Structure formats: structure tokens, C-alpha cells
Amino acid sequence: FDEFDAELKDGKPIMFFLSGYTFVSVNDSGNSVAITINEYTGNHIIVAYGYQKIDYYDANNKLIESNIYIFVSTGIENVSGFYLLNYGGNINSAKAVDII
């Protein structure tokens, strides 16, 4: 993850080569968060261009979950959202890309 973060900070998007993958959409109402999970099979390539780590706490301010949402271009018509790191599927390889 540290290398991923360093490449993004250097302005380089990252190509992920996936087998099985999950895209999520997040709806935060202010009082609750609804996460819609869409799982796909097969191989696919996505391009990551950022991320956000979100920590979730219970009413007693105890950490119950941490998620890293990776901002991606899916290349799939009518499919948008985030790639949820470490939630289903495999990242088989990744490559930083120089934009010319």
C-alpha cells in the first residue's frame, strides 16, 4: 500500500489487473452510511487515481471497521463507484503509469 500511495502522490495513476472484483457505492446520510456492494467474476483491468480511508465507530466511539475506498475508472458502461480494498477478488498485479 505504501508504494501505491507514493506513486499516486507522484501523480501516477495505477493499473490494477484483477480476477474477481468488487465495486461499491457509498451513501452517507450524516446519520448512517449505506454501502452497496456489487461483486463481479472474471478478469478485468481498472485504473486507480486516488483513495480515501474511512474509519467507522460505534456509539461508544470504539473503532468497528476501517475501509480503504480506491477511486477508479472501471471502463464498464454504467458501472461506477469505488474499489473496496481487501474485500473480495484478487489484485494479481499492479503497474504505475506515466501520463505523457
PDB file of N, CA and C in Angstrom:
ATOM      1  N   PHE A   1       0.823  -1.198   0.000  1.00  0.00           N
ATOM      2  CA  PHE A   1       0.000   0.000   0.000  1.00  0.00           C
ATOM      3  C   PHE A   1       0.866   1.261   0.000  1.00  0.00           C
ATOM      4  N   ASP A   2       2.002   1.215   0.706  1.00  0.00           N
ATOM      5  CA  ASP A   2       2.874   2.392   0.758  1.00  0.00           C
ATOM      6  C   ASP A   2       3.387   2.769  -0.627  1.00  0.00           C
ATOM      7  N   GLU A   3       3.741   1.757  -1.424  1.00  0.00           N
ATOM      8  CA  GLU A   3       4.205   2.028  -2.787  1.00  0.00           C
ATOM      9  C   GLU A   3       3.075   2.609  -3.640  1.00  0.00           C
ATOM     10  N   PHE A   4       1.872   2.066  -3.490  1.00  0.00           N
ATOM     11  CA  PHE A   4       0.685   2.573  -4.178  1.00  0.00           C
ATOM     12  C   PHE A   4       0.483   4.055  -3.844  1.00  0.00           C
ATOM     13  N   ASP A   5       0.538   4.370  -2.563  1.00  0.00           N
ATOM     14  CA  ASP A   5       0.346   5.741  -2.100  1.00  0.00           C
ATOM     15  C   ASP A   5       1.427   6.664  -2.661  1.00  0.00           C
ATOM     16  N   ALA A   6       2.676   6.210  -2.658  1.00  0.00           N
ATOM     17  CA  ALA A   6       3.779   7.031  -3.171  1.00  0.00           C
ATOM     18  C   ALA A   6       3.617   7.314  -4.660  1.00  0.00           C
ATOM     19  N   GLU A   7       3.219   6.325  -5.434  1.00  0.00           N
ATOM     20  CA  GLU A   7       3.027   6.528  -6.880  1.00  0.00           C
ATOM     21  C   GLU A   7       1.898   7.516  -7.144  1.00  0.00           C
ATOM     22  N   LEU A   8       0.809   7.418  -6.400  1.00  0.00           N
ATOM     23  CA  LEU A   8      -0.296   8.371  -6.565  1.00  0.00           C
ATOM     24  C   LEU A   8       0.153   9.786  -6.223  1.00  0.00           C
ATOM     25  N   LYS A   9       0.903   9.932  -5.137  1.00  0.00           N
ATOM     26  CA  LYS A   9       1.389  11.252  -4.743  1.00  0.00           C
ATOM     27  C   LYS A   9       2.354  11.826  -5.776  1.00  0.00           C
ATOM     28  N   ASP A  10       2.977  10.934  -6.558  1.00  0.00           N
ATOM     29  CA  ASP A  10       3.876  11.359  -7.630  1.00  0.00           C
ATOM     30  C   ASP A  10       3.106  11.656  -8.916  1.00  0.00           C
ATOM     31  N   GLY A  11       1.763  11.574  -8.840  1.00  0.00           N
ATOM     32  CA  GLY A  11       0.930  11.905  -9.998  1.00  0.00           C
ATOM     33  C   GLY A  11       0.730  10.771 -10.977  1.00  0.00           C
ATOM     34  N   LYS A  12       1.028   9.554 -10.568  1.00  0.00           N
ATOM     35  CA  LYS A  12       0.898   8.408 -11.465  1.00  0.00           C
ATOM     36  C   LYS A  12      -0.326   7.567 -11.096  1.00  0.00           C
ATOM     37  N   PRO A  13      -1.272   7.429 -12.020  1.00  0.00           N
ATOM     38  CA  PRO A  13      -2.378   6.501 -11.773  1.00  0.00           C
ATOM     39  C   PRO A  13      -1.842   5.065 -11.794  1.00  0.00           C
ATOM     40  N   ILE A  14      -2.596   4.161 -11.212  1.00  0.00           N
ATOM     41  CA  ILE A  14      -2.174   2.768 -11.081  1.00  0.00           C
ATOM     42  C   ILE A  14      -3.169   1.871 -11.803  1.00  0.00           C
ATOM     43  N   MET A  15      -2.644   0.986 -12.668  1.00  0.00           N
ATOM     44  CA  MET A  15      -3.495  -0.026 -13.301  1.00  0.00           C
ATOM     45  C   MET A  15      -3.508  -1.250 -12.391  1.00  0.00           C
ATOM     46  N   PHE A  16      -4.711  -1.737 -12.086  1.00  0.00           N
ATOM     47  CA  PHE A  16      -4.871  -2.982 -11.331  1.00  0.00           C
ATOM     48  C   PHE A  16      -5.352  -4.058 -12.292  1.00  0.00           C
ATOM     49  N   PHE A  17      -4.702  -5.190 -12.255  1.00  0.00           N
ATOM     50  CA  PHE A  17      -5.114  -6.356 -13.033  1.00  0.00           C
ATOM     51  C   PHE A  17      -5.806  -7.300 -12.057  1.00  0.00           C
ATOM     52  N   LEU A  18      -7.114  -7.463 -12.230  1.00  0.00           N
ATOM     53  CA  LEU A  18      -7.947  -8.150 -11.246  1.00  0.00           C
ATOM     54  C   LEU A  18      -8.487  -9.482 -11.749  1.00  0.00           C
ATOM     55  N   SER A  19      -8.702 -10.391 -10.814  1.00  0.00           N
ATOM     56  CA  SER A  19      -9.511 -11.577 -11.083  1.00  0.00           C
ATOM     57  C   SER A  19     -10.569 -11.622  -9.983  1.00  0.00           C
ATOM     58  N   GLY A  20     -11.802 -11.458 -10.393  1.00  0.00           N
ATOM     59  CA  GLY A  20     -12.855 -11.247  -9.412  1.00  0.00           C
ATOM     60  C   GLY A  20     -12.656  -9.858  -8.821  1.00  0.00           C
ATOM     61  N   TYR A  21     -13.709  -9.119  -8.672  1.00  0.00           N
ATOM     62  CA  TYR A  21     -13.559  -7.766  -8.159  1.00  0.00           C
ATOM     63  C   TYR A  21     -14.888  -7.277  -7.615  1.00  0.00           C
ATOM     64  N   THR A  22     -14.792  -6.287  -6.756  1.00  0.00           N
ATOM     65  CA  THR A  22     -15.955  -5.728  -6.093  1.00  0.00           C
ATOM     66  C   THR A  22     -15.930  -4.215  -6.218  1.00  0.00           C
ATOM     67  N   PHE A  23     -17.016  -3.651  -6.728  1.00  0.00           N
ATOM     68  CA  PHE A  23     -17.184  -2.207  -6.733  1.00  0.00           C
ATOM     69  C   PHE A  23     -18.268  -1.856  -5.729  1.00  0.00           C
ATOM     70  N   VAL A  24     -18.089  -0.775  -5.024  1.00  0.00           N
ATOM     71  CA  VAL A  24     -19.063  -0.358  -4.029  1.00  0.00           C
ATOM     72  C   VAL A  24     -19.466   1.085  -4.283  1.00  0.00           C
ATOM     73  N   SER A  25     -20.683   1.395  -3.874  1.00  0.00           N
ATOM     74  CA  SER A  25     -21.115   2.793  -3.827  1.00  0.00           C
ATOM     75  C   SER A  25     -21.466   3.088  -2.377  1.00  0.00           C
ATOM     76  N   VAL A  26     -21.240   4.322  -1.976  1.00  0.00           N
ATOM     77  CA  VAL A  26     -21.430   4.712  -0.583  1.00  0.00           C
ATOM     78  C   VAL A  26     -22.405   5.872  -0.527  1.00  0.00           C
ATOM     79  N   ASN A  27     -23.399   5.755   0.348  1.00  0.00           N
ATOM     80  CA  ASN A  27     -24.366   6.828   0.559  1.00  0.00           C
ATOM     81  C   ASN A  27     -24.339   7.188   2.042  1.00  0.00           C
ATOM     82  N   ASP A  28     -23.781   8.349   2.350  1.00  0.00           N
ATOM     83  CA  ASP A  28     -23.655   8.816   3.727  1.00  0.00           C
ATOM     84  C   ASP A  28     -24.723   9.872   3.983  1.00  0.00           C
ATOM     85  N   SER A  29     -25.699   9.530   4.815  1.00  0.00           N
ATOM     86  CA  SER A  29     -26.803  10.453   5.103  1.00  0.00           C
ATOM     87  C   SER A  29     -26.464  11.408   6.234  1.00  0.00           C
ATOM     88  N   GLY A  30     -25.332  11.225   6.862  1.00  0.00           N
ATOM     89  CA  GLY A  30     -24.985  12.036   8.028  1.00  0.00           C
ATOM     90  C   GLY A  30     -25.252  11.284   9.317  1.00  0.00           C
ATOM     91  N   ASN A  31     -26.316  10.472   9.321  1.00  0.00           N
ATOM     92  CA  ASN A  31     -26.648   9.662  10.497  1.00  0.00           C
ATOM     93  C   ASN A  31     -26.260   8.204  10.321  1.00  0.00           C
ATOM     94  N   SER A  32     -26.197   7.775   9.074  1.00  0.00           N
ATOM     95  CA  SER A  32     -25.826   6.394   8.791  1.00  0.00           C
ATOM     96  C   SER A  32     -25.166   6.321   7.417  1.00  0.00           C
ATOM     97  N   VAL A  33     -24.483   5.222   7.193  1.00  0.00           N
ATOM     98  CA  VAL A  33     -23.810   5.005   5.923  1.00  0.00           C
ATOM     99  C   VAL A  33     -24.337   3.714   5.327  1.00  0.00           C
ATOM    100  N   ALA A  34     -24.794   3.800   4.076  1.00  0.00           N
ATOM    101  CA  ALA A  34     -25.249   2.609   3.346  1.00  0.00           C
ATOM    102  C   ALA A  34     -24.217   2.296   2.275  1.00  0.00           C
ATOM    103  N   ILE A  35     -23.717   1.072   2.305  1.00  0.00           N
ATOM    104  CA  ILE A  35     -22.730   0.635   1.322  1.00  0.00           C
ATOM    105  C   ILE A  35     -23.371  -0.426   0.451  1.00  0.00           C
ATOM    106  N   THR A  36     -23.415  -0.170  -0.856  1.00  0.00           N
ATOM    107  CA  THR A  36     -23.937  -1.142  -1.815  1.00  0.00           C
ATOM    108  C   THR A  36     -22.752  -1.837  -2.464  1.00  0.00           C
ATOM    109  N   ILE A  37     -22.769  -3.162  -2.395  1.00  0.00           N
ATOM    110  CA  ILE A  37     -21.648  -3.959  -2.888  1.00  0.00           C
ATOM    111  C   ILE A  37     -22.076  -4.719  -4.135  1.00  0.00           C
ATOM    112  N   ASN A  38     -21.298  -4.574  -5.201  1.00  0.00           N
ATOM    113  CA  ASN A  38     -21.538  -5.303  -6.444  1.00  0.00           C
ATOM    114  C   ASN A  38     -20.303  -6.142  -6.740  1.00  0.00           C
ATOM    115  N   GLU A  39     -20.492  -7.466  -6.736  1.00  0.00           N
ATOM    116  CA  GLU A  39     -19.377  -8.380  -6.978  1.00  0.00           C
ATOM    117  C   GLU A  39     -19.432  -8.891  -8.410  1.00  0.00           C
ATOM    118  N   TYR A  40     -18.243  -8.999  -9.020  1.00  0.00           N
ATOM    119  CA  TYR A  40     -18.126  -9.459 -10.395  1.00  0.00           C
ATOM    120  C   TYR A  40     -17.107 -10.590 -10.458  1.00  0.00           C
ATOM    121  N   THR A  41     -17.273 -11.470 -11.426  1.00  0.00           N
ATOM    122  CA  THR A  41     -16.317 -12.544 -11.655  1.00  0.00           C
ATOM    123  C   THR A  41     -15.540 -12.254 -12.931  1.00  0.00           C
ATOM    124  N   GLY A  42     -14.518 -13.015 -13.168  1.00  0.00           N
ATOM    125  CA  GLY A  42     -13.729 -12.841 -14.382  1.00  0.00           C
ATOM    126  C   GLY A  42     -12.577 -11.901 -14.156  1.00  0.00           C
ATOM    127  N   ASN A  43     -11.853 -11.644 -15.229  1.00  0.00           N
ATOM    128  CA  ASN A  43     -10.678 -10.778 -15.186  1.00  0.00           C
ATOM    129  C   ASN A  43     -11.029  -9.393 -15.697  1.00  0.00           C
ATOM    130  N   HIS A  44     -10.347  -8.384 -15.141  1.00  0.00           N
ATOM    131  CA  HIS A  44     -10.627  -7.015 -15.563  1.00  0.00           C
ATOM    132  C   HIS A  44      -9.437  -6.129 -15.198  1.00  0.00           C
ATOM    133  N   ILE A  45      -9.316  -5.013 -15.896  1.00  0.00           N
ATOM    134  CA  ILE A  45      -8.301  -4.002 -15.588  1.00  0.00           C
ATOM    135  C   ILE A  45      -9.022  -2.713 -15.222  1.00  0.00           C
ATOM    136  N   ILE A  46      -8.606  -2.093 -14.126  1.00  0.00           N
ATOM    137  CA  ILE A  46      -9.143  -0.790 -13.719  1.00  0.00           C
ATOM    138  C   ILE A  46      -7.972   0.167 -13.526  1.00  0.00           C
ATOM    139  N   VAL A  47      -8.280   1.454 -13.512  1.00  0.00           N
ATOM    140  CA  VAL A  47      -7.254   2.465 -13.282  1.00  0.00           C
ATOM    141  C   VAL A  47      -7.616   3.223 -12.005  1.00  0.00           C
ATOM    142  N   ALA A  48      -6.704   3.183 -11.047  1.00  0.00           N
ATOM    143  CA  ALA A  48      -6.901   3.864  -9.766  1.00  0.00           C
ATOM    144  C   ALA A  48      -6.237   5.232  -9.809  1.00  0.00           C
ATOM    145  N   TYR A  49      -6.929   6.241  -9.267  1.00  0.00           N
ATOM    146  CA  TYR A  49      -6.375   7.593  -9.291  1.00  0.00           C
ATOM    147  C   TYR A  49      -6.455   8.287  -7.939  1.00  0.00           C
ATOM    148  N   GLY A  50      -6.833   7.577  -6.905  1.00  0.00           N
ATOM    149  CA  GLY A  50      -6.889   8.150  -5.562  1.00  0.00           C
ATOM    150  C   GLY A  50      -7.528   7.176  -4.608  1.00  0.00           C
ATOM    151  N   TYR A  51      -7.604   7.567  -3.351  1.00  0.00           N
ATOM    152  CA  TYR A  51      -8.251   6.712  -2.356  1.00  0.00           C
ATOM    153  C   TYR A  51      -8.669   7.536  -1.147  1.00  0.00           C
ATOM    154  N   GLN A  52      -9.511   6.925  -0.339  1.00  0.00           N
ATOM    155  CA  GLN A  52      -9.900   7.527   0.924  1.00  0.00           C
ATOM    156  C   GLN A  52     -10.062   6.418   1.946  1.00  0.00           C
ATOM    157  N   LYS A  53      -9.437   6.595   3.095  1.00  0.00           N
ATOM    158  CA  LYS A  53      -9.611   5.653   4.196  1.00  0.00           C
ATOM    159  C   LYS A  53     -10.689   6.214   5.115  1.00  0.00           C
ATOM    160  N   ILE A  54     -11.659   5.377   5.449  1.00  0.00           N
ATOM    161  CA  ILE A  54     -12.743   5.804   6.336  1.00  0.00           C
ATOM    162  C   ILE A  54     -12.815   4.829   7.501  1.00  0.00           C
ATOM    163  N   ASP A  55     -12.798   5.386   8.711  1.00  0.00           N
ATOM    164  CA  ASP A  55     -12.957   4.593   9.924  1.00  0.00           C
ATOM    165  C   ASP A  55     -14.388   4.732  10.408  1.00  0.00           C
ATOM    166  N   TYR A  56     -14.953   3.616  10.829  1.00  0.00           N
ATOM    167  CA  TYR A  56     -16.323   3.587  11.343  1.00  0.00           C
ATOM    168  C   TYR A  56     -16.295   3.237  12.825  1.00  0.00           C
ATOM    169  N   TYR A  57     -17.064   4.010  13.605  1.00  0.00           N
ATOM    170  CA  TYR A  57     -17.091   3.848  15.054  1.00  0.00           C
ATOM    171  C   TYR A  57     -18.506   3.544  15.520  1.00  0.00           C
ATOM    172  N   ASP A  58     -18.614   2.831  16.642  1.00  0.00           N
ATOM    173  CA  ASP A  58     -19.937   2.591  17.219  1.00  0.00           C
ATOM    174  C   ASP A  58     -20.310   3.765  18.126  1.00  0.00           C
ATOM    175  N   ALA A  59     -21.444   3.657  18.797  1.00  0.00           N
ATOM    176  CA  ALA A  59     -21.948   4.743  19.637  1.00  0.00           C
ATOM    177  C   ALA A  59     -21.020   5.050  20.813  1.00  0.00           C
ATOM    178  N   ASN A  60     -20.175   4.089  21.192  1.00  0.00           N
ATOM    179  CA  ASN A  60     -19.231   4.287  22.296  1.00  0.00           C
ATOM    180  C   ASN A  60     -17.860   4.747  21.811  1.00  0.00           C
ATOM    181  N   ASN A  61     -17.806   5.181  20.563  1.00  0.00           N
ATOM    182  CA  ASN A  61     -16.583   5.675  19.941  1.00  0.00           C
ATOM    183  C   ASN A  61     -15.491   4.605  19.846  1.00  0.00           C
ATOM    184  N   LYS A  62     -15.923   3.349  19.729  1.00  0.00           N
ATOM    185  CA  LYS A  62     -14.986   2.240  19.531  1.00  0.00           C
ATOM    186  C   LYS A  62     -14.909   1.936  18.041  1.00  0.00           C
ATOM    187  N   LEU A  63     -13.677   1.858  17.528  1.00  0.00           N
ATOM    188  CA  LEU A  63     -13.481   1.555  16.115  1.00  0.00           C
ATOM    189  C   LEU A  63     -14.033   0.172  15.802  1.00  0.00           C
ATOM    190  N   ILE A  64     -14.935   0.106  14.803  1.00  0.00           N
ATOM    191  CA  ILE A  64     -15.506  -1.192  14.439  1.00  0.00           C
ATOM    192  C   ILE A  64     -15.073  -1.657  13.054  1.00  0.00           C
ATOM    193  N   GLU A  65     -14.623  -0.728  12.203  1.00  0.00           N
ATOM    194  CA  GLU A  65     -14.199  -1.112  10.861  1.00  0.00           C
ATOM    195  C   GLU A  65     -13.429   0.023  10.209  1.00  0.00           C
ATOM    196  N   SER A  66     -12.430  -0.334   9.415  1.00  0.00           N
ATOM    197  CA  SER A  66     -11.693   0.625   8.600  1.00  0.00           C
ATOM    198  C   SER A  66     -11.728   0.132   7.169  1.00  0.00           C
ATOM    199  N   ASN A  67     -12.117   0.993   6.251  1.00  0.00           N
ATOM    200  CA  ASN A  67     -12.157   0.634   4.837  1.00  0.00           C
ATOM    201  C   ASN A  67     -11.320   1.608   4.035  1.00  0.00           C
ATOM    202  N   ILE A  68     -10.662   1.074   3.002  1.00  0.00           N
ATOM    203  CA  ILE A  68      -9.946   1.914   2.052  1.00  0.00           C
ATOM    204  C   ILE A  68     -10.695   1.830   0.732  1.00  0.00           C
ATOM    205  N   TYR A  69     -11.274   2.957   0.325  1.00  0.00           N
ATOM    206  CA  TYR A  69     -12.027   3.058  -0.918  1.00  0.00           C
ATOM    207  C   TYR A  69     -11.103   3.651  -1.977  1.00  0.00           C
ATOM    208  N   ILE A  70     -10.846   2.890  -3.031  1.00  0.00           N
ATOM    209  CA  ILE A  70      -9.954   3.345  -4.090  1.00  0.00           C
ATOM    210  C   ILE A  70     -10.793   3.928  -5.215  1.00  0.00           C
ATOM    211  N   PHE A  71     -10.507   5.171  -5.585  1.00  0.00           N
ATOM    212  CA  PHE A  71     -11.207   5.840  -6.683  1.00  0.00           C
ATOM    213  C   PHE A  71     -10.697   5.248  -7.988  1.00  0.00           C
ATOM    214  N   VAL A  72     -11.602   4.716  -8.808  1.00  0.00           N
ATOM    215  CA  VAL A  72     -11.195   4.027 -10.027  1.00  0.00           C
ATOM    216  C   VAL A  72     -12.066   4.401 -11.213  1.00  0.00           C
ATOM    217  N   SER A  73     -11.480   4.240 -12.376  1.00  0.00           N
ATOM    218  CA  SER A  73     -12.236   4.225 -13.629  1.00  0.00           C
ATOM    219  C   SER A  73     -12.379   2.763 -13.987  1.00  0.00           C
ATOM    220  N   THR A  74     -13.632   2.316 -14.152  1.00  0.00           N
ATOM    221  CA  THR A  74     -13.870   0.886 -14.359  1.00  0.00           C
ATOM    222  C   THR A  74     -13.781   0.473 -15.815  1.00  0.00           C
ATOM    223  N   GLY A  75     -14.096   1.388 -16.718  1.00  0.00           N
ATOM    224  CA  GLY A  75     -14.144   1.016 -18.127  1.00  0.00           C
ATOM    225  C   GLY A  75     -15.364   0.202 -18.483  1.00  0.00           C
ATOM    226  N   ILE A  76     -16.285   0.050 -17.537  1.00  0.00           N
ATOM    227  CA  ILE A  76     -17.513  -0.716 -17.770  1.00  0.00           C
ATOM    228  C   ILE A  76     -18.678   0.263 -17.833  1.00  0.00           C
ATOM    229  N   GLU A  77     -19.452   0.189 -18.890  1.00  0.00           N
ATOM    230  CA  GLU A  77     -20.578   1.096 -19.059  1.00  0.00           C
ATOM    231  C   GLU A  77     -21.562   0.956 -17.905  1.00  0.00           C
ATOM    232  N   ASN A  78     -21.973   2.078 -17.357  1.00  0.00           N
ATOM    233  CA  ASN A  78     -22.951   2.168 -16.270  1.00  0.00           C
ATOM    234  C   ASN A  78     -22.479   1.535 -14.964  1.00  0.00           C
ATOM    235  N   VAL A  79     -21.175   1.340 -14.804  1.00  0.00           N
ATOM    236  CA  VAL A  79     -20.635   0.836 -13.545  1.00  0.00           C
ATOM    237  C   VAL A  79     -19.646   1.863 -13.013  1.00  0.00           C
ATOM    238  N   SER A  80     -19.982   2.430 -11.867  1.00  0.00           N
ATOM    239  CA  SER A  80     -19.096   3.391 -11.231  1.00  0.00           C
ATOM    240  C   SER A  80     -19.052   3.073  -9.747  1.00  0.00           C
ATOM    241  N   GLY A  81     -18.200   3.757  -9.068  1.00  0.00           N
ATOM    242  CA  GLY A  81     -18.061   3.537  -7.637  1.00  0.00           C
ATOM    243  C   GLY A  81     -16.611   3.427  -7.258  1.00  0.00           C
ATOM    244  N   PHE A  82     -16.369   2.727  -6.184  1.00  0.00           N
ATOM    245  CA  PHE A  82     -15.035   2.575  -5.632  1.00  0.00           C
ATOM    246  C   PHE A  82     -14.667   1.097  -5.625  1.00  0.00           C
ATOM    247  N   TYR A  83     -13.367   0.850  -5.688  1.00  0.00           N
ATOM    248  CA  TYR A  83     -12.872  -0.497  -5.449  1.00  0.00           C
ATOM    249  C   TYR A  83     -12.573  -0.564  -3.962  1.00  0.00           C
ATOM    250  N   LEU A  84     -13.198  -1.496  -3.268  1.00  0.00           N
ATOM    251  CA  LEU A  84     -13.007  -1.638  -1.823  1.00  0.00           C
ATOM    252  C   LEU A  84     -11.843  -2.587  -1.592  1.00  0.00           C
ATOM    253  N   LEU A  85     -10.740  -2.047  -1.109  1.00  0.00           N
ATOM    254  CA  LEU A  85      -9.522  -2.820  -0.914  1.00  0.00           C
ATOM    255  C   LEU A  85      -9.741  -3.932   0.103  1.00  0.00           C
ATOM    256  N   ASN A  86      -9.229  -5.105  -0.215  1.00  0.00           N
ATOM    257  CA  ASN A  86      -9.281  -6.286   0.655  1.00  0.00           C
ATOM    258  C   ASN A  86     -10.696  -6.783   0.902  1.00  0.00           C
ATOM    259  N   TYR A  87     -11.571  -6.608  -0.066  1.00  0.00           N
ATOM    260  CA  TYR A  87     -12.935  -7.113   0.061  1.00  0.00           C
ATOM    261  C   TYR A  87     -13.317  -7.829  -1.231  1.00  0.00           C
ATOM    262  N   GLY A  88     -12.993  -9.068  -1.317  1.00  0.00           N
ATOM    263  CA  GLY A  88     -13.356  -9.869  -2.476  1.00  0.00           C
ATOM    264  C   GLY A  88     -12.447  -9.647  -3.657  1.00  0.00           C
ATOM    265  N   GLY A  89     -12.239 -10.693  -4.423  1.00  0.00           N
ATOM    266  CA  GLY A  89     -11.415 -10.609  -5.618  1.00  0.00           C
ATOM    267  C   GLY A  89      -9.936 -10.560  -5.294  1.00  0.00           C
ATOM    268  N   ASN A  90      -9.144 -10.545  -6.337  1.00  0.00           N
ATOM    269  CA  ASN A  90      -7.698 -10.524  -6.173  1.00  0.00           C
ATOM    270  C   ASN A  90      -7.075  -9.475  -7.085  1.00  0.00           C
ATOM    271  N   ILE A  91      -6.107  -8.751  -6.538  1.00  0.00           N
ATOM    272  CA  ILE A  91      -5.266  -7.897  -7.360  1.00  0.00           C
ATOM    273  C   ILE A  91      -4.080  -8.767  -7.749  1.00  0.00           C
ATOM    274  N   ASN A  92      -4.051  -9.203  -9.000  1.00  0.00           N
ATOM    275  CA  ASN A  92      -2.979 -10.084  -9.461  1.00  0.00           C
ATOM    276  C   ASN A  92      -1.689  -9.332  -9.736  1.00  0.00           C
ATOM    277  N   SER A  93      -1.820  -8.095 -10.146  1.00  0.00           N
ATOM    278  CA  SER A  93      -0.657  -7.278 -10.469  1.00  0.00           C
ATOM    279  C   SER A  93      -1.098  -5.822 -10.486  1.00  0.00           C
ATOM    280  N   ALA A  94      -0.133  -4.933 -10.357  1.00  0.00           N
ATOM    281  CA  ALA A  94      -0.408  -3.506 -10.428  1.00  0.00           C
ATOM    282  C   ALA A  94       0.782  -2.820 -11.091  1.00  0.00           C
ATOM    283  N   LYS A  95       0.495  -1.760 -11.823  1.00  0.00           N
ATOM    284  CA  LYS A  95       1.548  -1.052 -12.541  1.00  0.00           C
ATOM    285  C   LYS A  95       1.243   0.433 -12.539  1.00  0.00           C
ATOM    286  N   ALA A  96       2.202   1.246 -12.084  1.00  0.00           N
ATOM    287  CA  ALA A  96       2.061   2.698 -12.143  1.00  0.00           C
ATOM    288  C   ALA A  96       2.245   3.132 -13.593  1.00  0.00           C
ATOM    289  N   VAL A  97       1.508   4.177 -13.991  1.00  0.00           N
ATOM    290  CA  VAL A  97       1.511   4.619 -15.380  1.00  0.00           C
ATOM    291  C   VAL A  97       2.001   6.059 -15.446  1.00  0.00           C
ATOM    292  N   ASP A  98       2.911   6.310 -16.378  1.00  0.00           N
ATOM    293  CA  ASP A  98       3.323   7.692 -16.649  1.00  0.00           C
ATOM    294  C   ASP A  98       2.364   8.279 -17.671  1.00  0.00           C
ATOM    295  N   ILE A  99       1.816   9.435 -17.370  1.00  0.00           N
ATOM    296  CA  ILE A  99       0.932  10.119 -18.315  1.00  0.00           C
ATOM    297  C   ILE A  99       1.770  11.106 -19.107  1.00  0.00           C
ATOM    298  N   ILE A 100       1.705  10.948 -20.412  1.00  0.00           N
ATOM    299  CA  ILE A 100       2.517  11.786 -21.293  1.00  0.00           C
ATOM    300  C   ILE A 100       1.665  12.889 -21.894  1.00  0.00           C
TER     301      ILE A 100
END
